[in-house]
Structure formats: C-alpha cells, structure tokens
Amino acid sequence: MVRFSERANSIRPTGVRRMFDMAFDMAGDDAVQFGLGEPDFQPPSVAIEAFTRAMNEGKNKYTTTAGLPALRQKIAETWHHRIPDLDESNVCITMSGTNGLLDIFLALVGPGDNVLIPEPYFPLYPPDVVICGGDPNLYPCTFENDFVPTIDDLESRVDDNTVAILYNFPSNPTGGNVTEAQRDELIAFASDHDLWLITDEVYDRIVYDGPHVSFLGAGYDKVIMVQSFSKTFAMTGWRIGYILSPDMDAMAQLTKMQYYVTACSNDAMQYAVLEALERAPEYPEEMCAEFKARRNLICERLNAMPGVSCHVPTGAFYVFPKVDVPGMNSEEIAMALLEGGVLCSPGTSFGAAGEGHLRFAYTIGREDIARGMDRVEAVLAGLRGD
C-alpha cells in the first residue's frame, strides 16, 4: 500500500485550478476565461530584452540567497516614501510571492501556533500554515462590510497561540481594499496583541480611485510584506517576487528559510526585473488604466442582471459578486456557466464564506468580457426560468 504523509493527504488541490483544468474538456477553446488571475499583457519589452542580454552575457549562475544587491537596493528605494532608511538588507528576492509566503510561514509558525487568515482567502494561505505545522484561524471579510474585517471579529478569534495575522489588500479574490483609517485600526489590533503582521500587497500597483494604502511604514515594525512582479509587470510565468521587512531579525530568519526552500532566485531574471523597475516604472499604471475600464464594464453588466449584486472593487482585477439562483450553490452555478462556455471560480474555492459568490477575473479584453457577460446573462436567465 502506498503511503503518503498526513500533511500531503490533508491538502486538497485548489478549486480554481480544478475548474481551469475542466474547462478544456467541457467547453474547449471557445470558453471565455474569467478563471485564472493572469494579466493578458506581456512584460515590458525592455525587461524581455534585458533577460536575453543577461543570459547571453553568462548570467546563468547561482546568486546569493537574498538576491542581486542592485535589485534589492532598487526595491528598497521604491519604499522610501514609507520607510526612508530601508536598504538592500531589508529585501530578499524569492521565486514568486507564493515562495515568499512559504518562507514567512516557515519562519514564524510552529506546531500549535495559529495564524489569523482572511476568508474568503487566496487558496495557498491555509495550506501553507498547515504545512508548517500550524492552524489557520479564519476571520470573515464579508460582502456587507465591503470585504474588510471588523475588530470585533478579530478579537473573538485571537488567543494565546496566535502568532501572526495576515492582511491582503487589495484582495484576491474580492478586490476589496482598506482606507487609511481602517488600516490603522487593523495595525492597532496587531500591535495590541503583539502579533507579526504579514501583509500581502502583490496588487499594490493595481489600485483604482485613489492611492495604495500600505501596511508598511504605518507605525508598527513587526511587519513582513510579501510582493510579486507577476501581476504588476505581467511576469506570472517568470515566478519572481520578494519579501521585505524593517525588522532585521526577521530578515535573517526569512533569508535562511529561502535558502532551504529554493537556494536563490533566477540569475538573469533578476537583471530583467531591475531593468523594468529602472526603465519602465510606469508600466503597471498603464495596465491599471485598462483594468479600470474593464472593471467598469463587468460591474455594470453584472449589476444589471437579476439576482446578482456586485461591489465595484477598488483594487486588483477581480469581482466577487453575490449570485442567487434558488436551489443552487456556487459550485453548481459555476458548473452551469462552464457548460454555457464561461469559466469562472465558485466562491467556495476561497473558503466556505465564499458560498453564494462567484469570482470573475477581468484579465481578458473588453470584447471578450462583453461576450462572456452575454453568456452569463443567458445561462442565469435559463437557470431561473426567466
């Protein structure tokens, strides 16, 4: 009999990937793809050229575990508006934001510890805590409260075993975000309980209707930020990101974990990312302008459909509407939409609190969004018997 670890057996594949894999069997190439959160842009051309140039120049070797010093220094400088004295020692380059998350949980979480995790959640959060021997303790981010937690809900979940709290704004899957006043309340909660504050801000450059509100440099130093270039520079396949903290003891532990997880990041790619930061710093804002137009289109279409209620997100590129079809749960609705040629994610892919919701990623062109919304409207009308 083949035996696998309890750790492996306790973790299920994500619902997002499962729906994506099913799409081609059920709907073929004609399916309108609202499933994966992957920008339909390419990285800046200067970055692609720098990547090729670096490889041709022989930059195909191991780097230091923390990464290319010039890139780390450049990243630190991009956050000087929050903490002026950050430098390269406050940054560790990782093989994607997901790699960075695992580094963080490995450094902070031990058996019996728990981490406060938002629900709905990015699907890797709870399994990462479990892999590290801890317990994910889910706190609600509800539609009724614009997907921002209340302090009362947080207070009711913290205990002597709680070591950290994770915030994700702008949020995947909800597109929710915080005001400065809400951010300050959430920081005060972490400070009152002496928790590590893990802030996932990988969508910080995809923010509409106002500046990004960061948890970094807001009066609390036990902060660890996880970041990625996947979304902001359309580098999803490059698998590169970073972790940053003003706490040098934390950076020492995080960098140590990075060594044992993957040794170091890709050599040539780090030169390419540095080129993007230096020569195409406006690229995320150019993408963001298009995403805003798509956001407006998809929200207008969804909110015009009977039985659908959709917040207009202020960040990221997801909508997480409530979709009510009597007698059907979110997975059944998502499957019906898939049969109708539309791939989206059932809300329960992001935790039980996602029931009653669907997630649509507006990472496709406006014509495809309109075509997909026509199909959604037709399928939902058929399910309701309109």
Protein backbone atom coordinates (compact mmCIF):
# COMPACT_ATOMS: atom_id res chain seq x y z
CA MET A 1 0.00 0.00 0.00
CA VAL A 2 1.37 3.40 -0.99
CA ARG A 3 1.67 5.72 1.98
CA PHE A 4 1.86 9.49 1.91
CA SER A 5 2.31 11.98 4.70
CA GLU A 6 -0.61 13.25 6.72
CA ARG A 7 0.45 16.70 5.54
CA ALA A 8 0.04 15.78 1.87
CA ASN A 9 -3.22 13.91 2.44
CA SER A 10 -4.75 16.85 4.34
CA ILE A 11 -4.32 19.35 1.48
CA ARG A 12 -6.66 19.41 -1.49
CA PRO A 13 -5.99 20.86 -4.95
CA THR A 14 -7.43 24.35 -5.32
CA GLY A 15 -10.88 24.81 -6.82
CA VAL A 16 -9.57 27.48 -9.18
CA ARG A 17 -7.12 25.11 -10.85
CA ARG A 18 -9.68 22.29 -10.91
CA MET A 19 -12.16 24.47 -12.80
CA PHE A 20 -9.41 25.63 -15.17
CA ASP A 21 -8.43 22.03 -15.95
CA MET A 22 -12.06 21.06 -16.55
CA ALA A 23 -12.71 23.98 -18.88
CA PHE A 24 -10.97 22.49 -21.87
CA ASP A 25 -12.76 19.16 -21.54
CA MET A 26 -16.21 20.75 -21.21
CA ALA A 27 -16.08 23.99 -23.18
CA GLY A 28 -12.98 23.73 -25.33
CA ASP A 29 -11.08 26.69 -26.71
CA ASP A 30 -14.29 28.70 -27.05
CA ALA A 31 -14.66 29.12 -23.27
CA VAL A 32 -14.48 32.74 -22.12
CA GLN A 33 -11.73 32.69 -19.48
CA PHE A 34 -12.56 34.55 -16.27
CA GLY A 35 -10.84 31.88 -14.16
CA LEU A 36 -7.13 32.45 -13.54
CA GLY A 37 -5.84 35.80 -12.32
CA GLU A 38 -3.26 36.24 -15.07
CA PRO A 39 -2.87 39.55 -16.92
CA ASP A 40 -3.24 39.26 -20.70
CA PHE A 41 -0.23 41.54 -21.13
CA GLN A 42 3.43 40.72 -21.72
CA PRO A 43 6.30 42.01 -19.55
CA PRO A 44 7.79 45.33 -20.66
CA SER A 45 9.91 44.88 -23.77
CA VAL A 46 12.95 46.36 -22.03
CA ALA A 47 12.72 43.60 -19.43
CA ILE A 48 12.49 40.84 -22.04
CA GLU A 49 15.49 42.30 -23.87
CA ALA A 50 17.43 42.57 -20.60
CA PHE A 51 16.60 38.95 -19.76
CA THR A 52 18.00 37.75 -23.09
CA ARG A 53 21.03 40.01 -22.81
CA ALA A 54 21.83 38.81 -19.29
CA MET A 55 21.71 35.16 -20.36
CA ASN A 56 23.93 35.87 -23.34
CA GLU A 57 26.39 37.62 -21.00
CA GLY A 58 26.67 34.48 -18.89
CA LYS A 59 24.43 35.47 -16.01
CA ASN A 60 23.13 31.93 -15.63
CA LYS A 61 24.59 31.01 -12.25
CA TYR A 62 23.63 30.89 -8.61
CA THR A 63 23.16 34.22 -6.91
CA THR A 64 23.33 34.95 -3.20
CA THR A 65 20.30 33.63 -1.35
CA ALA A 66 18.89 37.12 -0.80
CA GLY A 67 19.39 38.03 -4.46
CA LEU A 68 21.09 40.60 -6.65
CA PRO A 69 22.19 43.54 -4.43
CA ALA A 70 21.38 46.17 -7.05
CA LEU A 71 17.84 44.83 -7.45
CA ARG A 72 17.29 44.63 -3.71
CA GLN A 73 18.53 48.21 -3.29
CA LYS A 74 16.23 49.41 -6.07
CA ILE A 75 13.26 47.68 -4.44
CA ALA A 76 14.13 49.23 -1.07
CA GLU A 77 14.21 52.67 -2.69
CA THR A 78 10.72 52.19 -4.12
CA TRP A 79 9.50 52.02 -0.49
CA HIS A 80 11.49 55.01 0.81
CA HIS A 81 8.28 57.05 0.77
CA ARG A 82 7.10 54.71 3.55
CA ILE A 83 10.38 53.98 5.41
CA PRO A 84 13.28 56.21 4.28
CA ASP A 85 16.12 54.13 5.75
CA LEU A 86 15.29 50.81 4.04
CA ASP A 87 18.17 49.32 2.09
CA GLU A 88 19.09 46.06 0.36
CA SER A 89 19.41 44.23 3.69
CA ASN A 90 15.65 44.63 4.18
CA VAL A 91 14.82 42.69 0.99
CA CYS A 92 15.04 39.04 -0.07
CA ILE A 93 14.26 38.07 -3.66
CA THR A 94 12.03 34.99 -3.95
CA MET A 95 10.81 32.67 -6.68
CA SER A 96 7.36 34.33 -6.72
CA GLY A 97 5.14 35.69 -4.00
CA THR A 98 3.98 32.17 -3.20
CA ASN A 99 7.56 31.17 -2.41
CA GLY A 100 7.78 34.25 -0.19
CA LEU A 101 4.61 33.27 1.69
CA LEU A 102 6.01 29.83 2.45
CA ASP A 103 9.27 31.38 3.68
CA ILE A 104 7.29 33.62 6.03
CA PHE A 105 5.16 30.86 7.49
CA LEU A 106 8.20 28.58 7.90
CA ALA A 107 9.94 31.33 9.85
CA LEU A 108 7.00 32.26 12.09
CA VAL A 109 4.80 29.20 12.60
CA GLY A 110 5.41 26.10 14.66
CA PRO A 111 3.24 23.22 15.93
CA GLY A 112 0.31 24.53 17.94
CA ASP A 113 0.63 28.08 16.61
CA ASN A 114 -2.16 29.68 14.69
CA VAL A 115 -2.34 32.47 12.15
CA LEU A 116 -5.36 34.69 11.57
CA ILE A 117 -6.25 34.35 7.87
CA PRO A 118 -8.90 36.31 5.96
CA GLU A 119 -11.86 34.44 4.49
CA PRO A 120 -12.50 34.48 1.54
CA TYR A 121 -8.78 33.82 1.05
CA PHE A 122 -6.11 33.29 -1.55
CA PRO A 123 -6.12 29.46 -1.69
CA LEU A 124 -2.49 29.00 -0.61
CA TYR A 125 -2.81 30.72 2.78
CA PRO A 126 -4.39 27.95 4.92
CA PRO A 127 -2.42 25.04 3.38
CA ASP A 128 0.88 26.89 3.88
CA VAL A 129 0.10 27.29 7.59
CA VAL A 130 -0.79 23.58 7.79
CA ILE A 131 2.43 22.59 6.00
CA CYS A 132 4.33 24.47 8.72
CA GLY A 133 2.50 22.60 11.49
CA GLY A 134 0.17 25.43 12.48
CA ASP A 135 -3.55 26.05 12.40
CA PRO A 136 -5.20 28.60 10.12
CA ASN A 137 -7.73 30.63 12.11
CA LEU A 138 -10.15 32.20 9.64
CA TYR A 139 -11.67 35.64 10.15
CA PRO A 140 -14.57 36.89 7.99
CA CYS A 141 -14.34 39.60 5.35
CA THR A 142 -17.98 39.96 4.40
CA PHE A 143 -19.81 41.44 1.44
CA GLU A 144 -21.85 43.54 3.86
CA ASN A 145 -18.67 45.18 5.22
CA ASP A 146 -17.02 45.73 1.82
CA PHE A 147 -14.80 42.68 2.45
CA VAL A 148 -12.95 44.38 5.34
CA PRO A 149 -12.84 42.60 8.73
CA THR A 150 -14.28 44.12 11.89
CA ILE A 151 -12.15 44.43 15.00
CA ASP A 152 -14.83 42.52 16.98
CA ASP A 153 -14.47 39.55 14.63
CA LEU A 154 -10.70 39.63 15.03
CA GLU A 155 -10.83 39.94 18.83
CA SER A 156 -13.10 36.92 19.08
CA ARG A 157 -10.53 34.76 17.28
CA VAL A 158 -7.19 35.73 18.84
CA ASP A 159 -5.82 33.56 21.65
CA ASP A 160 -2.55 32.70 23.38
CA ASN A 161 -1.48 30.54 20.42
CA THR A 162 -1.93 33.26 17.81
CA VAL A 163 1.44 34.37 16.43
CA ALA A 164 0.53 36.35 13.32
CA ILE A 165 -2.23 37.93 11.30
CA LEU A 166 -2.29 38.15 7.53
CA TYR A 167 -3.92 41.02 5.67
CA ASN A 168 -4.40 41.02 1.89
CA PHE A 169 -5.32 44.39 0.38
CA PRO A 170 -6.09 44.81 -2.45
CA SER A 171 -7.65 41.38 -2.08
CA ASN A 172 -7.70 38.25 -4.12
CA PRO A 173 -10.50 37.11 -4.57
CA THR A 174 -12.72 40.04 -3.58
CA GLY A 175 -11.00 43.15 -4.95
CA GLY A 176 -11.66 44.71 -1.53
CA ASN A 177 -9.40 47.35 -0.08
CA VAL A 178 -8.91 49.47 3.05
CA THR A 179 -8.96 53.16 3.85
CA GLU A 180 -6.15 54.66 5.93
CA ALA A 181 -8.47 54.71 8.97
CA GLN A 182 -9.31 51.03 8.55
CA ARG A 183 -5.63 50.20 8.04
CA ASP A 184 -4.72 52.00 11.25
CA GLU A 185 -7.37 50.06 13.22
CA LEU A 186 -6.05 46.76 11.85
CA ILE A 187 -2.47 47.70 12.73
CA ALA A 188 -3.55 48.70 16.26
CA PHE A 189 -5.15 45.28 16.69
CA ALA A 190 -1.90 43.52 15.68
CA SER A 191 0.09 45.79 17.99
CA ASP A 192 -2.24 45.28 20.95
CA HIS A 193 -1.70 41.52 20.70
CA ASP A 194 2.00 41.71 19.73
CA LEU A 195 1.38 39.76 16.51
CA TRP A 196 3.52 39.54 13.44
CA LEU A 197 1.68 41.41 10.70
CA ILE A 198 2.03 39.70 7.31
CA THR A 199 0.85 42.00 4.55
CA ASP A 200 0.27 40.58 1.07
CA GLU A 201 0.35 43.60 -1.23
CA VAL A 202 1.05 41.96 -4.58
CA TYR A 203 -1.67 44.11 -6.21
CA ASP A 204 -0.36 47.40 -4.81
CA ARG A 205 0.13 48.92 -8.28
CA ILE A 206 -3.34 47.88 -9.48
CA VAL A 207 -5.42 50.31 -7.45
CA TYR A 208 -8.26 52.49 -8.72
CA ASP A 209 -9.83 55.70 -7.46
CA GLY A 210 -7.04 56.63 -5.04
CA PRO A 211 -3.51 55.79 -3.81
CA HIS A 212 -2.50 52.41 -2.46
CA VAL A 213 -2.82 52.14 1.34
CA SER A 214 0.15 50.11 2.59
CA PHE A 215 0.66 48.49 5.98
CA LEU A 216 4.39 49.17 5.67
CA GLY A 217 5.74 52.22 7.50
CA ALA A 218 2.50 52.90 9.35
CA GLY A 219 3.86 52.91 12.89
CA TYR A 220 4.40 49.20 13.51
CA ASP A 221 7.70 47.44 12.87
CA LYS A 222 6.71 43.77 13.24
CA VAL A 223 5.60 43.83 9.61
CA ILE A 224 6.61 41.46 6.83
CA MET A 225 5.49 42.30 3.32
CA VAL A 226 5.19 39.75 0.53
CA GLN A 227 5.37 41.08 -3.01
CA SER A 228 5.37 39.77 -6.57
CA PHE A 229 6.15 41.09 -10.03
CA SER A 230 3.67 38.63 -11.56
CA LYS A 231 0.66 40.93 -11.56
CA THR A 232 2.20 44.39 -11.67
CA PHE A 233 4.64 43.68 -14.53
CA ALA A 234 2.75 40.77 -16.17
CA MET A 235 5.52 38.32 -15.25
CA THR A 236 3.37 35.43 -13.98
CA GLY A 237 5.48 32.79 -15.73
CA TRP A 238 8.75 34.26 -14.54
CA ARG A 239 7.98 33.36 -10.91
CA ILE A 240 9.75 36.21 -9.15
CA GLY A 241 8.86 38.34 -6.15
CA TYR A 242 10.31 39.44 -2.83
CA ILE A 243 9.80 39.72 0.90
CA LEU A 244 10.61 42.89 2.80
CA SER A 245 10.67 43.80 6.48
CA PRO A 246 12.11 46.66 8.57
CA ASP A 247 12.89 44.03 11.25
CA MET A 248 16.42 42.72 10.64
CA ASP A 249 15.99 39.68 12.90
CA ALA A 250 13.03 38.70 10.75
CA MET A 251 15.03 39.20 7.55
CA ALA A 252 17.77 36.90 8.83
CA GLN A 253 15.26 34.13 9.50
CA LEU A 254 13.36 34.68 6.25
CA THR A 255 16.52 34.60 4.16
CA LYS A 256 17.57 31.39 5.90
CA MET A 257 14.23 29.81 5.03
CA GLN A 258 14.63 30.97 1.43
CA TYR A 259 17.89 29.06 1.18
CA TYR A 260 16.30 25.81 2.29
CA VAL A 261 13.21 26.25 0.10
CA THR A 262 14.91 27.15 -3.17
CA ALA A 263 18.52 28.35 -2.51
CA CYS A 264 18.18 31.51 -4.60
CA SER A 265 16.21 33.11 -7.40
CA ASN A 266 16.94 33.09 -11.13
CA ASP A 267 20.12 34.98 -12.04
CA ALA A 268 19.33 36.55 -15.42
CA MET A 269 15.72 37.25 -14.47
CA GLN A 270 16.79 39.50 -11.63
CA TYR A 271 18.63 41.74 -14.10
CA ALA A 272 15.48 41.84 -16.23
CA VAL A 273 13.32 42.91 -13.29
CA LEU A 274 15.85 45.58 -12.36
CA GLU A 275 15.63 46.89 -15.93
CA ALA A 276 11.83 47.02 -15.67
CA LEU A 277 11.98 49.00 -12.44
CA GLU A 278 14.52 51.43 -13.84
CA ARG A 279 13.28 51.89 -17.41
CA ALA A 280 9.57 51.04 -17.33
CA PRO A 281 8.41 52.18 -13.88
CA GLU A 282 5.11 53.46 -15.31
CA TYR A 283 4.15 50.11 -16.87
CA PRO A 284 1.85 48.99 -14.01
CA GLU A 285 -0.14 52.22 -14.25
CA GLU A 286 -0.59 51.70 -17.99
CA MET A 287 -2.06 48.25 -17.35
CA CYS A 288 -4.12 49.61 -14.47
CA ALA A 289 -5.87 52.12 -16.72
CA GLU A 290 -7.07 49.30 -18.96
CA PHE A 291 -8.09 47.15 -15.99
CA LYS A 292 -10.18 50.05 -14.67
CA ALA A 293 -12.10 50.26 -17.93
CA ARG A 294 -12.69 46.50 -17.78
CA ARG A 295 -13.77 46.74 -14.15
CA ASN A 296 -16.36 49.36 -15.02
CA LEU A 297 -17.70 47.24 -17.88
CA ILE A 298 -18.01 43.96 -15.99
CA CYS A 299 -19.51 45.56 -12.88
CA GLU A 300 -22.09 47.43 -14.96
CA ARG A 301 -23.08 44.21 -16.73
CA LEU A 302 -23.25 42.09 -13.57
CA ASN A 303 -25.23 44.62 -11.56
CA ALA A 304 -27.81 44.82 -14.35
CA MET A 305 -28.56 41.08 -14.06
CA PRO A 306 -31.44 39.90 -11.84
CA GLY A 307 -30.23 38.05 -8.76
CA VAL A 308 -26.70 39.46 -8.99
CA SER A 309 -25.15 42.05 -6.67
CA CYS A 310 -21.57 43.18 -7.23
CA HIS A 311 -19.33 45.58 -5.34
CA VAL A 312 -17.19 47.78 -7.56
CA PRO A 313 -13.66 46.77 -6.49
CA THR A 314 -11.06 49.41 -5.73
CA GLY A 315 -8.06 47.20 -6.43
CA ALA A 316 -6.74 44.00 -8.07
CA PHE A 317 -8.61 42.65 -11.12
CA TYR A 318 -11.36 40.50 -9.64
CA VAL A 319 -15.04 40.91 -8.95
CA PHE A 320 -16.73 38.72 -6.35
CA PRO A 321 -20.47 39.18 -6.86
CA LYS A 322 -23.28 37.56 -4.96
CA VAL A 323 -25.20 35.35 -7.38
CA ASP A 324 -28.54 33.98 -6.27
CA VAL A 325 -30.15 31.09 -8.13
CA PRO A 326 -32.74 29.36 -5.91
CA GLY A 327 -31.79 25.79 -5.09
CA MET A 328 -28.22 26.02 -6.42
CA ASN A 329 -24.92 26.56 -4.64
CA SER A 330 -21.97 28.48 -6.06
CA GLU A 331 -20.19 25.40 -7.44
CA GLU A 332 -23.34 24.25 -9.23
CA ILE A 333 -23.80 27.71 -10.73
CA ALA A 334 -20.15 27.81 -11.83
CA MET A 335 -20.53 24.38 -13.47
CA ALA A 336 -23.67 25.53 -15.30
CA LEU A 337 -21.77 28.58 -16.55
CA LEU A 338 -18.90 26.36 -17.67
CA GLU A 339 -21.33 24.25 -19.68
CA GLY A 340 -22.52 27.54 -21.19
CA GLY A 341 -18.98 28.46 -22.25
CA VAL A 342 -17.86 30.68 -19.35
CA LEU A 343 -15.07 29.77 -16.94
CA CYS A 344 -15.22 31.42 -13.53
CA SER A 345 -14.45 30.26 -9.98
CA PRO A 346 -17.05 29.25 -7.40
CA GLY A 347 -16.78 31.33 -4.25
CA THR A 348 -16.13 28.23 -2.17
CA SER A 349 -12.75 27.87 -3.90
CA PHE A 350 -11.74 30.63 -1.49
CA GLY A 351 -13.27 29.18 1.67
CA ALA A 352 -16.72 28.31 2.95
CA ALA A 353 -17.50 32.01 3.43
CA GLY A 354 -17.40 32.36 -0.35
CA GLU A 355 -20.65 30.41 -0.72
CA GLY A 356 -23.16 32.42 -2.72
CA HIS A 357 -20.41 34.20 -4.68
CA LEU A 358 -18.53 33.71 -7.92
CA ARG A 359 -15.13 35.16 -8.81
CA PHE A 360 -14.55 36.66 -12.24
CA ALA A 361 -11.02 37.78 -13.21
CA TYR A 362 -11.26 40.60 -15.76
CA THR A 363 -7.88 39.80 -17.28
CA ILE A 364 -9.24 39.49 -20.82
CA GLY A 365 -10.11 42.13 -23.39
CA ARG A 366 -13.28 44.19 -23.29
CA GLU A 367 -14.83 42.43 -26.29
CA ASP A 368 -14.34 39.06 -24.60
CA ILE A 369 -15.75 40.44 -21.34
CA ALA A 370 -18.87 41.59 -23.18
CA ARG A 371 -19.19 38.23 -24.93
CA GLY A 372 -18.74 36.38 -21.65
CA MET A 373 -21.28 38.54 -19.84
CA ASP A 374 -23.80 37.84 -22.63
CA ARG A 375 -23.35 34.13 -21.90
CA VAL A 376 -23.56 34.62 -18.12
CA GLU A 377 -26.78 36.56 -18.50
CA ALA A 378 -28.30 33.89 -20.77
CA VAL A 379 -27.28 30.98 -18.51
CA LEU A 380 -28.56 32.63 -15.33
CA ALA A 381 -31.84 33.52 -17.01
CA GLY A 382 -32.20 29.88 -18.07
CA LEU A 383 -31.43 28.60 -14.57
CA ARG A 384 -34.07 30.92 -13.07
CA GLY A 385 -36.59 30.02 -15.76
CA ASP A 386 -36.95 33.62 -16.95
